[in-house]
Amino acid sequence: MAPRVVLVGPMGAGKSTVAAILAERWHLTVRDTDADIVAAEGREISEIFVDDGEQHFRALERAAVAAALAEHDGVLALGGGAVLDPGTREALAGHPVAFLNVGLSDAVKRVGLGVGRPLLLGNVRSRVKALLDERLPVYQAVATVQVDTDGRTPEEVADDVAAAIETKELS
C-alpha cells in the first residue's frame, strides 16, 4: 500500500485543495499529515509550536508522514516543512511526489497575514520569501513532478498533476 501521489510544497501552494480535487477525480481518499497531527494532539499546530517548540512539532510530523506513507493508498498532502527532515526525504524515495510550486506574490496573497502559521510571525512577506528560498531546492530534490501554481486555479493545477502522474504510471 502506498499513496497514488504525495503533494509537497510551501504554504499557500494549494496542497490541501488540490489533494481534495485529485481524490475526488480518482475516487480515492485524501489524507493531510497536518490534519493527522491536529487530530492526534487535540490542538492546532500553532499551539504545538508555542507550547512545545518547532523541534517537537517536527518529530510529530516525521511520525505522521511515515505512518501515512505506510497506511494510505489515496492522495497524501504533506505540511510545508515536512521535507526538511532527512528521514522523511528518504521515506519519500520511490513514491510519486508532486511539488506544487508557488511564487512569492501568490504565496503571500494566499496565506494572508499568516494567522495560525507560526513560522510567519513578524513580516509575512519577508518570512515567506525566506522559507521559499530555503526550501525550494529540497522540494525539487524530492519531486518526481513539478507543477507551477501561480495565476492558476486549483482545478488547472490538479489537471497537470493528474496528467503527469497518469503518464508516469503508464511508463
C-alpha atoms as a PDB file:
ATOM      1  CA  MET A   1       0.000   0.000   0.000  1.00  0.00           C
ATOM      2  CA  ALA A   2       1.275   3.431  -0.955  1.00  0.00           C
ATOM      3  CA  PRO A   3      -0.213   6.808  -1.863  1.00  0.00           C
ATOM      4  CA  ARG A   4      -1.061   7.329  -5.510  1.00  0.00           C
ATOM      5  CA  VAL A   5       0.561  10.744  -5.205  1.00  0.00           C
ATOM      6  CA  VAL A   6       2.182  12.770  -2.426  1.00  0.00           C
ATOM      7  CA  LEU A   7       1.821  16.541  -2.689  1.00  0.00           C
ATOM      8  CA  VAL A   8       4.595  18.745  -1.318  1.00  0.00           C
ATOM      9  CA  GLY A   9       5.243  22.454  -1.451  1.00  0.00           C
ATOM     10  CA  PRO A  10       5.249  25.607   0.620  1.00  0.00           C
ATOM     11  CA  MET A  11       2.312  27.056   2.499  1.00  0.00           C
ATOM     12  CA  GLY A  12      -0.047  28.701   0.070  1.00  0.00           C
ATOM     13  CA  ALA A  13       0.750  26.321  -2.788  1.00  0.00           C
ATOM     14  CA  GLY A  14      -2.703  24.727  -2.591  1.00  0.00           C
ATOM     15  CA  LYS A  15      -1.719  21.228  -1.480  1.00  0.00           C
ATOM     16  CA  SER A  16      -4.865  20.519   0.543  1.00  0.00           C
ATOM     17  CA  THR A  17      -7.188  21.954  -2.098  1.00  0.00           C
ATOM     18  CA  VAL A  18      -5.523  20.134  -4.994  1.00  0.00           C
ATOM     19  CA  ALA A  19      -5.397  16.903  -2.959  1.00  0.00           C
ATOM     20  CA  ALA A  20      -9.174  17.032  -2.476  1.00  0.00           C
ATOM     21  CA  ILE A  21      -9.746  17.585  -6.208  1.00  0.00           C
ATOM     22  CA  LEU A  22      -7.443  14.692  -7.157  1.00  0.00           C
ATOM     23  CA  ALA A  23      -9.002  12.360  -4.595  1.00  0.00           C
ATOM     24  CA  GLU A  24     -12.467  13.081  -5.959  1.00  0.00           C
ATOM     25  CA  ARG A  25     -11.310  12.622  -9.558  1.00  0.00           C
ATOM     26  CA  TRP A  26      -9.617   9.312  -8.828  1.00  0.00           C
ATOM     27  CA  HIS A  27     -12.286   8.096  -6.350  1.00  0.00           C
ATOM     28  CA  LEU A  28      -9.715   7.869  -3.584  1.00  0.00           C
ATOM     29  CA  THR A  29      -9.471   9.175  -0.062  1.00  0.00           C
ATOM     30  CA  VAL A  30      -7.391  12.182   0.856  1.00  0.00           C
ATOM     31  CA  ARG A  31      -5.100  12.470   3.840  1.00  0.00           C
ATOM     32  CA  ASP A  32      -3.259  15.514   5.155  1.00  0.00           C
ATOM     33  CA  THR A  33      -0.453  14.996   7.663  1.00  0.00           C
ATOM     34  CA  ASP A  34      -1.096  18.377   9.306  1.00  0.00           C
ATOM     35  CA  ALA A  35      -4.688  17.293   9.953  1.00  0.00           C
ATOM     36  CA  ASP A  36      -3.403  13.962  11.299  1.00  0.00           C
ATOM     37  CA  ILE A  37      -1.193  15.799  13.803  1.00  0.00           C
ATOM     38  CA  VAL A  38      -4.009  18.114  14.907  1.00  0.00           C
ATOM     39  CA  ALA A  39      -6.340  15.125  15.397  1.00  0.00           C
ATOM     40  CA  ALA A  40      -3.760  13.112  17.321  1.00  0.00           C
ATOM     41  CA  GLU A  41      -2.690  16.012  19.552  1.00  0.00           C
ATOM     42  CA  GLY A  42      -6.117  17.582  20.031  1.00  0.00           C
ATOM     43  CA  ARG A  43      -4.726  21.061  19.393  1.00  0.00           C
ATOM     44  CA  GLU A  44      -3.768  23.278  16.494  1.00  0.00           C
ATOM     45  CA  ILE A  45      -0.277  23.290  15.001  1.00  0.00           C
ATOM     46  CA  SER A  46       0.271  26.870  16.161  1.00  0.00           C
ATOM     47  CA  GLU A  47      -0.419  25.729  19.741  1.00  0.00           C
ATOM     48  CA  ILE A  48       2.071  22.873  19.415  1.00  0.00           C
ATOM     49  CA  PHE A  49       4.728  25.330  18.185  1.00  0.00           C
ATOM     50  CA  VAL A  50       4.062  27.749  21.042  1.00  0.00           C
ATOM     51  CA  ASP A  51       3.708  25.141  23.807  1.00  0.00           C
ATOM     52  CA  ASP A  52       6.339  22.591  22.772  1.00  0.00           C
ATOM     53  CA  GLY A  53       8.504  24.207  20.089  1.00  0.00           C
ATOM     54  CA  GLU A  54       9.268  23.511  16.456  1.00  0.00           C
ATOM     55  CA  GLN A  55      11.539  20.534  17.203  1.00  0.00           C
ATOM     56  CA  HIS A  56       8.691  18.696  18.950  1.00  0.00           C
ATOM     57  CA  PHE A  57       6.314  19.505  16.091  1.00  0.00           C
ATOM     58  CA  ARG A  58       8.840  18.215  13.523  1.00  0.00           C
ATOM     59  CA  ALA A  59       9.104  14.907  15.440  1.00  0.00           C
ATOM     60  CA  LEU A  60       5.313  14.573  15.355  1.00  0.00           C
ATOM     61  CA  GLU A  61       5.351  15.455  11.663  1.00  0.00           C
ATOM     62  CA  ARG A  62       8.051  12.878  10.864  1.00  0.00           C
ATOM     63  CA  ALA A  63       5.972  10.157  12.548  1.00  0.00           C
ATOM     64  CA  ALA A  64       2.768  11.297  10.816  1.00  0.00           C
ATOM     65  CA  VAL A  65       4.391  11.198   7.381  1.00  0.00           C
ATOM     66  CA  ALA A  66       5.900   7.759   7.978  1.00  0.00           C
ATOM     67  CA  ALA A  67       2.514   6.398   9.102  1.00  0.00           C
ATOM     68  CA  ALA A  68       0.674   7.959   6.152  1.00  0.00           C
ATOM     69  CA  LEU A  69       3.180   6.607   3.618  1.00  0.00           C
ATOM     70  CA  ALA A  70       2.745   3.115   5.084  1.00  0.00           C
ATOM     71  CA  GLU A  71      -1.030   3.157   5.587  1.00  0.00           C
ATOM     72  CA  HIS A  72      -2.621   5.384   2.956  1.00  0.00           C
ATOM     73  CA  ASP A  73      -3.284   4.482  -0.672  1.00  0.00           C
ATOM     74  CA  GLY A  74      -5.054   7.672  -1.742  1.00  0.00           C
ATOM     75  CA  VAL A  75      -3.842  11.228  -2.196  1.00  0.00           C
ATOM     76  CA  LEU A  76      -1.496  12.496   0.501  1.00  0.00           C
ATOM     77  CA  ALA A  77      -0.710  16.151   1.281  1.00  0.00           C
ATOM     78  CA  LEU A  78       2.297  16.942   3.483  1.00  0.00           C
ATOM     79  CA  GLY A  79       2.866  20.019   5.599  1.00  0.00           C
ATOM     80  CA  GLY A  80       5.124  22.629   4.030  1.00  0.00           C
ATOM     81  CA  GLY A  81       8.142  21.835   6.200  1.00  0.00           C
ATOM     82  CA  ALA A  82       7.865  18.043   6.231  1.00  0.00           C
ATOM     83  CA  VAL A  83      10.522  17.596   3.548  1.00  0.00           C
ATOM     84  CA  LEU A  84      13.134  19.335   5.698  1.00  0.00           C
ATOM     85  CA  ASP A  85      13.590  16.118   7.676  1.00  0.00           C
ATOM     86  CA  PRO A  86      16.225  13.824   6.098  1.00  0.00           C
ATOM     87  CA  GLY A  87      14.302  10.722   7.213  1.00  0.00           C
ATOM     88  CA  THR A  88      11.167  11.990   5.519  1.00  0.00           C
ATOM     89  CA  ARG A  89      13.061  12.735   2.313  1.00  0.00           C
ATOM     90  CA  GLU A  90      14.441   9.189   2.392  1.00  0.00           C
ATOM     91  CA  ALA A  91      10.960   7.748   3.032  1.00  0.00           C
ATOM     92  CA  LEU A  92       9.594   9.641   0.006  1.00  0.00           C
ATOM     93  CA  ALA A  93      12.092   7.995  -2.359  1.00  0.00           C
ATOM     94  CA  GLY A  94      10.253   5.722  -4.751  1.00  0.00           C
ATOM     95  CA  HIS A  95       6.895   7.440  -4.224  1.00  0.00           C
ATOM     96  CA  PRO A  96       5.261   9.670  -6.853  1.00  0.00           C
ATOM     97  CA  VAL A  97       5.806  13.141  -5.392  1.00  0.00           C
ATOM     98  CA  ALA A  98       4.304  16.268  -6.964  1.00  0.00           C
ATOM     99  CA  PHE A  99       5.862  19.579  -5.965  1.00  0.00           C
ATOM    100  CA  LEU A 100       3.327  22.408  -6.179  1.00  0.00           C
ATOM    101  CA  ASN A 101       5.483  25.456  -6.763  1.00  0.00           C
ATOM    102  CA  VAL A 102       4.223  28.915  -5.849  1.00  0.00           C
ATOM    103  CA  GLY A 103       5.905  32.266  -6.263  1.00  0.00           C
ATOM    104  CA  LEU A 104       6.283  34.858  -3.554  1.00  0.00           C
ATOM    105  CA  SER A 105       3.440  37.141  -4.652  1.00  0.00           C
ATOM    106  CA  ASP A 106       0.838  34.357  -4.934  1.00  0.00           C
ATOM    107  CA  ALA A 107       2.027  32.691  -1.716  1.00  0.00           C
ATOM    108  CA  VAL A 108       1.670  35.910   0.274  1.00  0.00           C
ATOM    109  CA  LYS A 109      -1.808  36.542  -1.166  1.00  0.00           C
ATOM    110  CA  ARG A 110      -2.907  33.008  -0.297  1.00  0.00           C
ATOM    111  CA  VAL A 111      -1.618  32.897   3.289  1.00  0.00           C
ATOM    112  CA  GLY A 112      -2.812  36.415   4.100  1.00  0.00           C
ATOM    113  CA  LEU A 113      -1.491  37.669   7.399  1.00  0.00           C
ATOM    114  CA  GLY A 114      -0.298  34.231   8.434  1.00  0.00           C
ATOM    115  CA  VAL A 115      -2.840  33.781  11.208  1.00  0.00           C
ATOM    116  CA  GLY A 116      -2.328  30.291  12.610  1.00  0.00           C
ATOM    117  CA  ARG A 117       1.002  29.906  10.820  1.00  0.00           C
ATOM    118  CA  PRO A 118       3.703  30.059  13.478  1.00  0.00           C
ATOM    119  CA  LEU A 119       6.615  30.353  11.072  1.00  0.00           C
ATOM    120  CA  LEU A 120       5.172  33.595   9.694  1.00  0.00           C
ATOM    121  CA  LEU A 121       5.277  35.659  12.868  1.00  0.00           C
ATOM    122  CA  GLY A 122       6.597  39.102  12.036  1.00  0.00           C
ATOM    123  CA  ASN A 123       6.864  40.424   8.483  1.00  0.00           C
ATOM    124  CA  VAL A 124       4.814  37.913   6.470  1.00  0.00           C
ATOM    125  CA  ARG A 125       6.302  38.774   3.078  1.00  0.00           C
ATOM    126  CA  SER A 126       9.927  38.527   4.227  1.00  0.00           C
ATOM    127  CA  ARG A 127       9.247  35.287   6.152  1.00  0.00           C
ATOM    128  CA  VAL A 128       7.508  33.690   3.162  1.00  0.00           C
ATOM    129  CA  LYS A 129      10.405  34.729   0.893  1.00  0.00           C
ATOM    130  CA  ALA A 130      12.961  33.256   3.283  1.00  0.00           C
ATOM    131  CA  LEU A 131      11.019  29.985   3.551  1.00  0.00           C
ATOM    132  CA  LEU A 132      10.594  29.732  -0.232  1.00  0.00           C
ATOM    133  CA  ASP A 133      14.298  30.410  -0.831  1.00  0.00           C
ATOM    134  CA  GLU A 134      15.389  27.928   1.838  1.00  0.00           C
ATOM    135  CA  ARG A 135      13.064  25.102   0.850  1.00  0.00           C
ATOM    136  CA  LEU A 136      12.914  25.298  -2.963  1.00  0.00           C
ATOM    137  CA  PRO A 137      15.938  23.036  -3.580  1.00  0.00           C
ATOM    138  CA  VAL A 138      14.582  20.468  -1.119  1.00  0.00           C
ATOM    139  CA  TYR A 139      11.142  20.371  -2.769  1.00  0.00           C
ATOM    140  CA  GLN A 140      12.768  19.983  -6.169  1.00  0.00           C
ATOM    141  CA  ALA A 141      15.033  17.193  -4.908  1.00  0.00           C
ATOM    142  CA  VAL A 142      12.162  15.007  -3.639  1.00  0.00           C
ATOM    143  CA  ALA A 143       9.768  15.687  -6.519  1.00  0.00           C
ATOM    144  CA  THR A 144       9.121  13.407  -9.448  1.00  0.00           C
ATOM    145  CA  VAL A 145       6.816  16.086 -10.930  1.00  0.00           C
ATOM    146  CA  GLN A 146       6.768  19.871 -10.560  1.00  0.00           C
ATOM    147  CA  VAL A 147       3.648  21.933 -11.275  1.00  0.00           C
ATOM    148  CA  ASP A 148       3.595  25.728 -11.099  1.00  0.00           C
ATOM    149  CA  THR A 149       0.507  27.157  -9.402  1.00  0.00           C
ATOM    150  CA  ASP A 150       0.880  30.920  -9.905  1.00  0.00           C
ATOM    151  CA  GLY A 151      -2.164  32.513 -11.510  1.00  0.00           C
ATOM    152  CA  ARG A 152      -3.879  29.156 -11.954  1.00  0.00           C
ATOM    153  CA  THR A 153      -6.997  27.623 -10.475  1.00  0.00           C
ATOM    154  CA  PRO A 154      -6.736  24.560  -8.239  1.00  0.00           C
ATOM    155  CA  GLU A 155      -8.550  22.589 -10.945  1.00  0.00           C
ATOM    156  CA  GLU A 156      -5.916  23.534 -13.541  1.00  0.00           C
ATOM    157  CA  VAL A 157      -3.143  22.522 -11.157  1.00  0.00           C
ATOM    158  CA  ALA A 158      -4.916  19.223 -10.397  1.00  0.00           C
ATOM    159  CA  ASP A 159      -5.276  18.574 -14.150  1.00  0.00           C
ATOM    160  CA  ASP A 160      -1.495  18.930 -14.603  1.00  0.00           C
ATOM    161  CA  VAL A 161      -0.682  16.758 -11.582  1.00  0.00           C
ATOM    162  CA  ALA A 162      -3.123  14.063 -12.727  1.00  0.00           C
ATOM    163  CA  ALA A 163      -1.747  14.080 -16.285  1.00  0.00           C
ATOM    164  CA  ALA A 164       1.834  13.797 -15.053  1.00  0.00           C
ATOM    165  CA  ILE A 165       1.101  11.022 -12.566  1.00  0.00           C
ATOM    166  CA  GLU A 166      -1.037   9.053 -15.007  1.00  0.00           C
ATOM    167  CA  THR A 167       1.689   9.335 -17.673  1.00  0.00           C
ATOM    168  CA  LYS A 168       4.324   8.066 -15.212  1.00  0.00           C
ATOM    169  CA  GLU A 169       2.052   5.160 -14.208  1.00  0.00           C
ATOM    170  CA  LEU A 170       1.808   4.095 -17.863  1.00  0.00           C
ATOM    171  CA  SER A 171       5.543   4.180 -18.485  1.00  0.00           C
END
